[in-house]
Every structure is written in C-alpha cells, then in structure tokens.
C-alpha cells in the first residue's frame, strides 16, 4: 500500500467544541465506533456515515479525511 487515510475527527470535534458523546448521539453510532474512527483504527467508512459526520460537524469530507503517502514510497 502506498499511503493511508488519516481521520481528523478529533480536530473537527475541537473546532466545534463537541464531545465524542455528543457526536455519537447526533450521527446515531456508538461512542466506541466514533472512537475507532477518531483514533484511525477503522478499516472502512460508509458514505452514509461520512455524510452524517459532515452534517453533524458542519464540514466537508476533506476536513475529516486526509491522504498521507508512506515515506518509504515517496
């Protein structure tokens, strides 16, 4: 694999002064699953969940997701 997707949910939560608990309630997924996304441990993300995240955090997908190339492949 040449790179990885980084989830910047923690950055958006801080900007919006929102807790993981509040985000979880707004998008309808468990706190544990929000934490998996926030900590970058997720292996997949449904488009519908991404839409809910963007709506709850009032942002664009690019505000949440970032692509980083692995240093050894640059």
Protein backbone atom coordinates (compact mmCIF):
# COMPACT_ATOMS: atom_id res chain seq x y z
CA UNK A 1 0.00 0.00 0.00
CA UNK A 2 1.36 3.42 -0.94
CA UNK A 3 -0.37 5.51 1.70
CA UNK A 4 -3.05 5.79 4.31
CA UNK A 5 -6.17 7.76 5.08
CA UNK A 6 -6.00 9.83 8.26
CA UNK A 7 -9.21 10.71 10.11
CA UNK A 8 -9.13 14.24 11.51
CA UNK A 9 -12.33 13.88 13.52
CA UNK A 10 -10.58 14.93 16.73
CA UNK A 11 -9.54 18.21 15.08
CA UNK A 12 -13.12 18.91 13.95
CA UNK A 13 -14.51 17.99 17.38
CA UNK A 14 -12.14 20.50 18.98
CA UNK A 15 -13.05 23.21 16.46
CA UNK A 16 -16.75 22.64 17.09
CA UNK A 17 -16.29 22.27 20.87
CA UNK A 18 -18.16 18.97 20.68
CA UNK A 19 -17.63 15.79 22.68
CA UNK A 20 -17.41 12.26 21.28
CA UNK A 21 -20.62 11.53 23.18
CA UNK A 22 -22.47 14.40 21.51
CA UNK A 23 -21.19 13.42 18.06
CA UNK A 24 -22.20 9.82 18.68
CA UNK A 25 -25.74 10.90 19.56
CA UNK A 26 -26.00 13.21 16.55
CA UNK A 27 -24.92 10.62 13.99
CA UNK A 28 -26.50 7.56 15.58
CA UNK A 29 -23.46 5.34 16.09
CA UNK A 30 -21.93 4.09 19.32
CA UNK A 31 -19.27 6.02 21.22
CA UNK A 32 -16.97 3.02 20.68
CA UNK A 33 -17.39 3.26 16.90
CA UNK A 34 -16.80 7.03 16.92
CA UNK A 35 -13.62 6.34 18.91
CA UNK A 36 -12.50 3.76 16.32
CA UNK A 37 -12.92 6.40 13.60
CA UNK A 38 -11.32 9.14 15.70
CA UNK A 39 -8.28 7.02 16.51
CA UNK A 40 -7.75 5.96 12.89
CA UNK A 41 -8.42 2.27 13.54
CA UNK A 42 -11.35 1.99 11.11
CA UNK A 43 -10.88 -0.23 8.06
CA UNK A 44 -13.96 1.07 6.24
CA UNK A 45 -16.37 4.00 6.34
CA UNK A 46 -19.85 4.02 4.86
CA UNK A 47 -20.66 7.02 2.69
CA UNK A 48 -23.85 7.48 4.72
CA UNK A 49 -21.76 7.72 7.91
CA UNK A 50 -19.44 10.23 6.24
CA UNK A 51 -22.48 12.29 5.27
CA UNK A 52 -23.75 12.22 8.86
CA UNK A 53 -20.31 13.23 10.16
CA UNK A 54 -20.18 16.16 7.74
CA UNK A 55 -23.67 17.27 8.69
CA UNK A 56 -23.05 17.00 12.45
CA UNK A 57 -19.66 18.75 12.25
CA UNK A 58 -20.76 21.27 9.58
CA UNK A 59 -17.80 20.45 7.36
CA UNK A 60 -16.70 18.91 4.07
CA UNK A 61 -15.29 15.35 3.68
CA UNK A 62 -11.84 16.85 3.09
CA UNK A 63 -11.98 18.45 6.53
CA UNK A 64 -12.26 14.98 8.08
CA UNK A 65 -10.21 12.79 5.73
CA UNK A 66 -6.58 13.25 4.69
CA UNK A 67 -4.38 11.09 2.46
CA UNK A 68 -0.75 10.64 3.51
CA UNK A 69 1.80 8.83 1.40
CA UNK A 70 4.10 6.46 3.28
CA UNK A 71 7.61 7.98 3.49
CA UNK A 72 9.32 4.85 2.11
CA UNK A 73 7.28 5.05 -1.13
CA UNK A 74 7.90 8.75 -1.86
